[in-house]
Each structure stands twice: as C-alpha cells, then as structure tokens.
Amino acid sequence: MSRPEEHKRLVRSFFDALNRSDAATLHSLMQPDMRWVVPDGAIMMGGLHEGAETVIERMTSAVGETFVPGSNQTRIRAMLAEENVVMAETRLTATHLDGRRYDNCYVFVFEFRDGRVAELREHVDTAYAAAFFGT
C-alpha cells in the first residue's frame, strides 16, 4: 500500500475511533506531541491544543458533554492524499443533549510523521456552530 493510501486508511480509523470515543485507538494514531488547530473565535474549542493526551481529552469530552452518547457520526465525504498530508471533507451529525440535531460540514487536514498524526487542522462553518451552540 502506498504511503498516501495508508494515511487515508489511518484517517478512516481516526474517525471511526472518534465516533466511538475510543481514546485508546485515538492515542495509537497520534504522535505524543501532536497539535490540533481549531478556528479561533466563534467556537468553544477554538485555538491550539498540544499533546495527544490533551487533544484526546478535549475531543472526547466535548462530544460526551454536548451530544447524546452514541448519536455523533462523522462521515467522510471525500479524501485527498499526497505524501504525508490527507485532507478529509466530513459531515458531523449528532443529537444535542437538549434534543436539537447538529449537522455541520468540516474539512480536516492531517499531517503525518512516522505513520502517526502529528498535526490536525480543523476547518468548520464557525457561523453555524456559533449559532447552534450560542457562543
């Protein structure tokens, strides 16, 4: 399997694990010093998050404290890969704890180092997120 195809396989594994809030699998896919960059401003998790432990805790707690357990599903719509970078267009749907349905589109840019995620840059419709979450 080529490096780009292997990285795409790892991205699929990442979203499968995130959908299940599977911290152990997420940890196995990340470099210990990985970085997660989220748009600043309109959304709760905006900013730079560093370290696999911090990233996993923030990702899984944000889902667990916001959505009905098991309702969140991130589906990959398209992926492009070249060398150590994968871009994934996704759609996240979930049921908020208050019953409202969340449905937002994202683009994630994964950078790999030695077969594990070294950096994840998230691009999201922040206006939709801000209106939905009231931030």
N, C-alpha and C. Protein backbone atom coordinates (compact mmCIF):
# COMPACT_ATOMS: atom_id res chain seq x y z
N MET A 1 0.85 -1.18 0.00
CA MET A 1 0.00 0.00 0.00
C MET A 1 0.90 1.24 0.00
N SER A 2 0.56 2.22 -0.82
CA SER A 2 1.34 3.45 -0.89
C SER A 2 1.16 4.25 0.40
N ARG A 3 2.10 5.15 0.65
CA ARG A 3 2.00 6.00 1.85
C ARG A 3 0.70 6.79 1.87
N PRO A 4 0.32 7.48 0.77
CA PRO A 4 -0.95 8.21 0.83
C PRO A 4 -2.16 7.30 1.12
N GLU A 5 -2.18 6.11 0.54
CA GLU A 5 -3.30 5.19 0.79
C GLU A 5 -3.30 4.71 2.24
N GLU A 6 -2.13 4.46 2.79
CA GLU A 6 -2.02 4.07 4.20
C GLU A 6 -2.50 5.19 5.10
N HIS A 7 -2.13 6.43 4.78
CA HIS A 7 -2.57 7.57 5.58
C HIS A 7 -4.09 7.73 5.50
N LYS A 8 -4.68 7.52 4.33
CA LYS A 8 -6.13 7.59 4.21
C LYS A 8 -6.80 6.51 5.07
N ARG A 9 -6.20 5.33 5.11
CA ARG A 9 -6.73 4.25 5.96
C ARG A 9 -6.69 4.68 7.43
N LEU A 10 -5.59 5.34 7.84
CA LEU A 10 -5.46 5.81 9.22
C LEU A 10 -6.49 6.90 9.54
N VAL A 11 -6.79 7.76 8.57
CA VAL A 11 -7.81 8.80 8.78
C VAL A 11 -9.18 8.14 8.99
N ARG A 12 -9.48 7.11 8.21
CA ARG A 12 -10.74 6.39 8.43
C ARG A 12 -10.78 5.80 9.84
N SER A 13 -9.67 5.22 10.26
CA SER A 13 -9.59 4.66 11.62
C SER A 13 -9.77 5.74 12.67
N PHE A 14 -9.20 6.91 12.43
CA PHE A 14 -9.32 8.04 13.35
C PHE A 14 -10.79 8.41 13.55
N PHE A 15 -11.53 8.60 12.46
CA PHE A 15 -12.94 8.99 12.59
C PHE A 15 -13.79 7.87 13.17
N ASP A 16 -13.49 6.63 12.84
CA ASP A 16 -14.21 5.50 13.46
C ASP A 16 -14.01 5.53 14.97
N ALA A 17 -12.77 5.75 15.40
CA ALA A 17 -12.47 5.80 16.84
C ALA A 17 -13.13 7.01 17.49
N LEU A 18 -13.12 8.15 16.82
CA LEU A 18 -13.75 9.36 17.37
C LEU A 18 -15.26 9.14 17.52
N ASN A 19 -15.88 8.50 16.54
CA ASN A 19 -17.32 8.21 16.63
C ASN A 19 -17.64 7.36 17.85
N ARG A 20 -16.71 6.49 18.25
CA ARG A 20 -16.92 5.61 19.40
C ARG A 20 -16.35 6.19 20.69
N SER A 21 -15.72 7.37 20.61
CA SER A 21 -14.99 7.95 21.75
C SER A 21 -13.97 6.96 22.29
N ASP A 22 -13.27 6.30 21.39
CA ASP A 22 -12.29 5.26 21.71
C ASP A 22 -10.91 5.92 21.90
N ALA A 23 -10.65 6.34 23.13
CA ALA A 23 -9.42 7.07 23.44
C ALA A 23 -8.17 6.23 23.17
N ALA A 24 -8.21 4.94 23.45
CA ALA A 24 -7.04 4.08 23.25
C ALA A 24 -6.64 4.03 21.77
N THR A 25 -7.62 3.87 20.89
CA THR A 25 -7.30 3.84 19.46
C THR A 25 -6.83 5.21 18.99
N LEU A 26 -7.48 6.27 19.43
CA LEU A 26 -7.03 7.62 19.06
C LEU A 26 -5.58 7.82 19.48
N HIS A 27 -5.25 7.41 20.69
CA HIS A 27 -3.88 7.55 21.19
C HIS A 27 -2.89 6.82 20.29
N SER A 28 -3.25 5.63 19.83
CA SER A 28 -2.34 4.84 18.98
C SER A 28 -2.12 5.49 17.61
N LEU A 29 -3.02 6.36 17.21
CA LEU A 29 -2.93 7.01 15.90
C LEU A 29 -2.20 8.35 15.94
N MET A 30 -1.90 8.85 17.14
CA MET A 30 -1.33 10.20 17.29
C MET A 30 0.11 10.15 17.80
N GLN A 31 0.90 11.11 17.32
CA GLN A 31 2.21 11.35 17.91
C GLN A 31 1.98 11.94 19.30
N PRO A 32 2.83 11.62 20.28
CA PRO A 32 2.65 12.18 21.63
C PRO A 32 2.60 13.71 21.65
N ASP A 33 3.33 14.35 20.73
CA ASP A 33 3.40 15.82 20.71
C ASP A 33 2.46 16.43 19.66
N MET A 34 1.45 15.69 19.25
CA MET A 34 0.58 16.17 18.17
C MET A 34 -0.08 17.49 18.54
N ARG A 35 -0.48 18.21 17.49
CA ARG A 35 -1.13 19.52 17.64
C ARG A 35 -2.47 19.48 16.91
N TRP A 36 -3.49 20.09 17.55
CA TRP A 36 -4.82 20.22 16.95
C TRP A 36 -5.13 21.71 16.89
N VAL A 37 -5.34 22.21 15.69
CA VAL A 37 -5.60 23.63 15.47
C VAL A 37 -7.06 23.79 15.06
N VAL A 38 -7.81 24.55 15.87
CA VAL A 38 -9.24 24.77 15.65
C VAL A 38 -9.43 26.27 15.43
N PRO A 39 -10.32 26.67 14.50
CA PRO A 39 -10.52 28.10 14.26
C PRO A 39 -10.83 28.85 15.55
N ASP A 40 -10.16 29.95 15.75
CA ASP A 40 -10.41 30.81 16.91
C ASP A 40 -11.74 31.53 16.76
N GLY A 41 -12.22 32.01 17.86
CA GLY A 41 -13.34 32.93 17.82
C GLY A 41 -14.67 32.32 18.15
N ALA A 42 -15.39 31.90 17.13
CA ALA A 42 -16.80 31.61 17.29
C ALA A 42 -17.12 30.26 17.92
N ILE A 43 -16.14 29.38 18.07
CA ILE A 43 -16.48 28.07 18.61
C ILE A 43 -15.73 27.78 19.90
N MET A 44 -16.32 26.93 20.72
CA MET A 44 -15.84 26.67 22.07
C MET A 44 -14.40 26.18 22.13
N MET A 45 -14.01 25.32 21.24
CA MET A 45 -12.70 24.68 21.31
C MET A 45 -11.65 25.42 20.49
N GLY A 46 -11.92 26.64 20.09
CA GLY A 46 -11.00 27.39 19.24
C GLY A 46 -9.63 27.55 19.84
N GLY A 47 -8.61 27.47 18.98
CA GLY A 47 -7.24 27.67 19.41
C GLY A 47 -6.36 26.47 19.12
N LEU A 48 -5.17 26.50 19.70
CA LEU A 48 -4.18 25.45 19.53
C LEU A 48 -4.20 24.54 20.75
N HIS A 49 -4.29 23.24 20.51
CA HIS A 49 -4.26 22.24 21.57
C HIS A 49 -3.07 21.34 21.30
N GLU A 50 -2.21 21.17 22.30
CA GLU A 50 -0.96 20.42 22.09
C GLU A 50 -0.88 19.20 22.99
N GLY A 51 -0.34 18.12 22.42
CA GLY A 51 -0.16 16.88 23.15
C GLY A 51 -1.32 15.93 22.96
N ALA A 52 -1.01 14.67 22.65
CA ALA A 52 -2.05 13.68 22.37
C ALA A 52 -3.04 13.56 23.52
N GLU A 53 -2.55 13.52 24.75
CA GLU A 53 -3.45 13.37 25.90
C GLU A 53 -4.45 14.52 25.98
N THR A 54 -3.97 15.74 25.81
CA THR A 54 -4.83 16.92 25.85
C THR A 54 -5.84 16.89 24.72
N VAL A 55 -5.39 16.57 23.51
CA VAL A 55 -6.27 16.55 22.35
C VAL A 55 -7.36 15.50 22.53
N ILE A 56 -6.99 14.31 22.93
CA ILE A 56 -7.97 13.23 23.11
C ILE A 56 -8.99 13.60 24.17
N GLU A 57 -8.52 14.13 25.29
CA GLU A 57 -9.43 14.52 26.37
C GLU A 57 -10.40 15.58 25.89
N ARG A 58 -9.91 16.58 25.15
CA ARG A 58 -10.79 17.66 24.69
C ARG A 58 -11.77 17.17 23.64
N MET A 59 -11.30 16.34 22.72
CA MET A 59 -12.20 15.82 21.68
C MET A 59 -13.30 14.95 22.28
N THR A 60 -12.93 14.02 23.12
CA THR A 60 -13.92 13.08 23.66
C THR A 60 -14.83 13.75 24.69
N SER A 61 -14.30 14.66 25.49
CA SER A 61 -15.17 15.32 26.47
C SER A 61 -16.12 16.29 25.80
N ALA A 62 -15.68 16.97 24.75
CA ALA A 62 -16.57 17.89 24.03
C ALA A 62 -17.76 17.13 23.47
N VAL A 63 -17.51 15.96 22.92
CA VAL A 63 -18.59 15.13 22.37
C VAL A 63 -19.48 14.63 23.51
N GLY A 64 -18.86 14.08 24.55
CA GLY A 64 -19.61 13.49 25.65
C GLY A 64 -20.42 14.48 26.47
N GLU A 65 -19.96 15.72 26.54
CA GLU A 65 -20.66 16.73 27.34
C GLU A 65 -21.66 17.54 26.52
N THR A 66 -21.71 17.29 25.20
CA THR A 66 -22.55 18.09 24.32
C THR A 66 -23.65 17.28 23.66
N PHE A 67 -23.32 16.05 23.26
CA PHE A 67 -24.24 15.24 22.46
C PHE A 67 -24.72 14.01 23.21
N VAL A 68 -25.89 13.53 22.83
CA VAL A 68 -26.42 12.28 23.36
C VAL A 68 -25.40 11.18 23.02
N PRO A 69 -24.98 10.40 24.01
CA PRO A 69 -23.98 9.35 23.76
C PRO A 69 -24.38 8.45 22.60
N GLY A 70 -23.42 8.25 21.69
CA GLY A 70 -23.63 7.38 20.54
C GLY A 70 -24.33 8.03 19.37
N SER A 71 -24.80 9.27 19.52
CA SER A 71 -25.53 9.92 18.42
C SER A 71 -24.61 10.59 17.41
N ASN A 72 -23.37 10.86 17.80
CA ASN A 72 -22.47 11.58 16.90
C ASN A 72 -21.90 10.62 15.85
N GLN A 73 -21.97 11.07 14.60
CA GLN A 73 -21.42 10.31 13.49
C GLN A 73 -20.70 11.28 12.55
N THR A 74 -19.41 11.06 12.38
CA THR A 74 -18.66 11.81 11.39
C THR A 74 -18.51 10.91 10.18
N ARG A 75 -18.99 11.39 9.06
CA ARG A 75 -18.91 10.63 7.81
C ARG A 75 -17.96 11.34 6.86
N ILE A 76 -17.09 10.58 6.26
CA ILE A 76 -16.14 11.13 5.29
C ILE A 76 -16.85 11.22 3.94
N ARG A 77 -16.81 12.42 3.36
CA ARG A 77 -17.42 12.62 2.05
C ARG A 77 -16.39 12.49 0.94
N ALA A 78 -15.16 12.96 1.21
CA ALA A 78 -14.09 12.88 0.22
C ALA A 78 -12.76 13.00 0.92
N MET A 79 -11.74 12.38 0.32
CA MET A 79 -10.38 12.50 0.85
C MET A 79 -9.41 12.66 -0.30
N LEU A 80 -8.42 13.51 -0.05
CA LEU A 80 -7.29 13.68 -0.97
C LEU A 80 -6.03 13.48 -0.17
N ALA A 81 -5.07 12.75 -0.74
CA ALA A 81 -3.84 12.47 -0.01
C ALA A 81 -2.64 12.64 -0.93
N GLU A 82 -1.59 13.18 -0.34
CA GLU A 82 -0.33 13.34 -1.04
C GLU A 82 0.79 13.28 -0.02
N GLU A 83 1.71 12.35 -0.21
CA GLU A 83 2.83 12.15 0.71
C GLU A 83 2.33 12.03 2.15
N ASN A 84 2.62 13.03 2.99
CA ASN A 84 2.30 12.96 4.42
C ASN A 84 1.07 13.78 4.82
N VAL A 85 0.26 14.18 3.85
CA VAL A 85 -0.90 15.03 4.14
C VAL A 85 -2.16 14.39 3.57
N VAL A 86 -3.21 14.39 4.39
CA VAL A 86 -4.54 13.95 3.94
C VAL A 86 -5.52 15.06 4.27
N MET A 87 -6.34 15.41 3.29
CA MET A 87 -7.44 16.35 3.52
C MET A 87 -8.73 15.54 3.44
N ALA A 88 -9.56 15.67 4.48
CA ALA A 88 -10.81 14.93 4.53
C ALA A 88 -11.97 15.90 4.70
N GLU A 89 -12.90 15.85 3.75
CA GLU A 89 -14.15 16.60 3.88
C GLU A 89 -15.12 15.69 4.61
N THR A 90 -15.69 16.19 5.69
CA THR A 90 -16.57 15.36 6.50
C THR A 90 -17.87 16.08 6.83
N ARG A 91 -18.80 15.30 7.33
CA ARG A 91 -20.06 15.84 7.83
C ARG A 91 -20.32 15.21 9.18
N LEU A 92 -20.52 16.04 10.19
CA LEU A 92 -20.81 15.57 11.54
C LEU A 92 -22.28 15.80 11.83
N THR A 93 -22.96 14.72 12.19
CA THR A 93 -24.33 14.83 12.65
C THR A 93 -24.39 14.25 14.07
N ALA A 94 -25.25 14.83 14.88
CA ALA A 94 -25.39 14.38 16.26
C ALA A 94 -26.65 14.98 16.85
N THR A 95 -27.08 14.41 17.96
CA THR A 95 -28.22 14.95 18.70
C THR A 95 -27.69 15.62 19.96
N HIS A 96 -27.96 16.93 20.09
CA HIS A 96 -27.57 17.68 21.27
C HIS A 96 -28.33 17.14 22.47
N LEU A 97 -27.78 17.34 23.64
CA LEU A 97 -28.44 16.88 24.87
C LEU A 97 -29.84 17.47 25.04
N ASP A 98 -30.08 18.64 24.41
CA ASP A 98 -31.42 19.24 24.51
C ASP A 98 -32.36 18.78 23.39
N GLY A 99 -31.88 17.84 22.56
CA GLY A 99 -32.72 17.26 21.52
C GLY A 99 -32.55 17.84 20.13
N ARG A 100 -31.88 18.98 20.01
CA ARG A 100 -31.67 19.57 18.68
C ARG A 100 -30.69 18.72 17.88
N ARG A 101 -30.86 18.73 16.57
CA ARG A 101 -30.00 17.97 15.66
C ARG A 101 -28.89 18.87 15.14
N TYR A 102 -27.63 18.45 15.34
CA TYR A 102 -26.45 19.17 14.83
C TYR A 102 -26.08 18.53 13.51
N ASP A 103 -25.76 19.38 12.51
CA ASP A 103 -25.40 18.89 11.18
C ASP A 103 -24.48 19.93 10.56
N ASN A 104 -23.18 19.66 10.57
CA ASN A 104 -22.20 20.64 10.11
C ASN A 104 -21.15 19.96 9.25
N CYS A 105 -20.59 20.71 8.33
CA CYS A 105 -19.54 20.22 7.44
C CYS A 105 -18.18 20.72 7.92
N TYR A 106 -17.18 19.88 7.74
CA TYR A 106 -15.81 20.16 8.18
C TYR A 106 -14.84 19.76 7.08
N VAL A 107 -13.67 20.36 7.12
CA VAL A 107 -12.51 19.86 6.39
C VAL A 107 -11.39 19.75 7.40
N PHE A 108 -10.77 18.58 7.45
CA PHE A 108 -9.65 18.34 8.34
C PHE A 108 -8.41 18.10 7.49
N VAL A 109 -7.31 18.72 7.89
CA VAL A 109 -6.02 18.50 7.25
C VAL A 109 -5.15 17.75 8.25
N PHE A 110 -4.82 16.52 7.91
CA PHE A 110 -3.97 15.66 8.75
C PHE A 110 -2.55 15.69 8.20
N GLU A 111 -1.59 15.95 9.07
CA GLU A 111 -0.19 15.80 8.70
C GLU A 111 0.38 14.65 9.51
N PHE A 112 1.04 13.73 8.81
CA PHE A 112 1.59 12.54 9.43
C PHE A 112 3.10 12.64 9.58
N ARG A 113 3.59 12.04 10.65
CA ARG A 113 5.03 11.87 10.86
C ARG A 113 5.23 10.45 11.38
N ASP A 114 6.04 9.70 10.69
CA ASP A 114 6.33 8.32 11.08
C ASP A 114 5.05 7.49 11.28
N GLY A 115 4.08 7.69 10.39
CA GLY A 115 2.88 6.87 10.41
C GLY A 115 1.83 7.22 11.44
N ARG A 116 2.00 8.36 12.11
CA ARG A 116 1.02 8.80 13.10
C ARG A 116 0.70 10.28 12.88
N VAL A 117 -0.46 10.71 13.34
CA VAL A 117 -0.88 12.10 13.16
C VAL A 117 0.00 13.01 14.00
N ALA A 118 0.64 13.97 13.33
CA ALA A 118 1.49 14.95 14.01
C ALA A 118 0.75 16.27 14.19
N GLU A 119 -0.11 16.60 13.22
CA GLU A 119 -0.89 17.83 13.32
C GLU A 119 -2.23 17.63 12.63
N LEU A 120 -3.26 18.20 13.24
CA LEU A 120 -4.61 18.16 12.69
C LEU A 120 -5.13 19.60 12.68
N ARG A 121 -5.45 20.07 11.49
CA ARG A 121 -6.02 21.42 11.35
C ARG A 121 -7.48 21.28 10.93
N GLU A 122 -8.35 21.87 11.73
CA GLU A 122 -9.79 21.75 11.53
C GLU A 122 -10.33 23.03 10.91
N HIS A 123 -11.17 22.86 9.90
CA HIS A 123 -11.87 23.98 9.27
C HIS A 123 -13.36 23.64 9.32
N VAL A 124 -14.15 24.55 9.85
CA VAL A 124 -15.56 24.28 10.11
C VAL A 124 -16.37 25.54 9.86
N ASP A 125 -17.64 25.38 9.60
CA ASP A 125 -18.55 26.51 9.45
C ASP A 125 -18.76 27.09 10.85
N THR A 126 -17.92 28.06 11.21
CA THR A 126 -17.98 28.61 12.56
C THR A 126 -19.25 29.42 12.81
N ALA A 127 -19.83 30.01 11.75
CA ALA A 127 -21.07 30.77 11.94
C ALA A 127 -22.20 29.81 12.34
N TYR A 128 -22.28 28.67 11.68
CA TYR A 128 -23.30 27.68 12.03
C TYR A 128 -23.07 27.18 13.46
N ALA A 129 -21.82 26.84 13.76
CA ALA A 129 -21.50 26.32 15.10
C ALA A 129 -21.84 27.36 16.18
N ALA A 130 -21.48 28.60 15.94
CA ALA A 130 -21.75 29.65 16.92
C ALA A 130 -23.26 29.83 17.13
N ALA A 131 -24.03 29.79 16.05
CA ALA A 131 -25.48 29.91 16.18
C ALA A 131 -26.07 28.72 16.91
N PHE A 132 -25.56 27.53 16.62
CA PHE A 132 -26.09 26.31 17.24
C PHE A 132 -25.77 26.27 18.73
N PHE A 133 -24.49 26.54 19.06
CA PHE A 133 -24.06 26.42 20.46
C PHE A 133 -24.25 27.70 21.26
N GLY A 134 -24.62 28.80 20.58
CA GLY A 134 -24.83 30.04 21.29
C GLY A 134 -23.57 30.69 21.82
N THR A 135 -22.46 30.49 21.09
CA THR A 135 -21.19 31.09 21.53
C THR A 135 -20.83 32.26 20.65
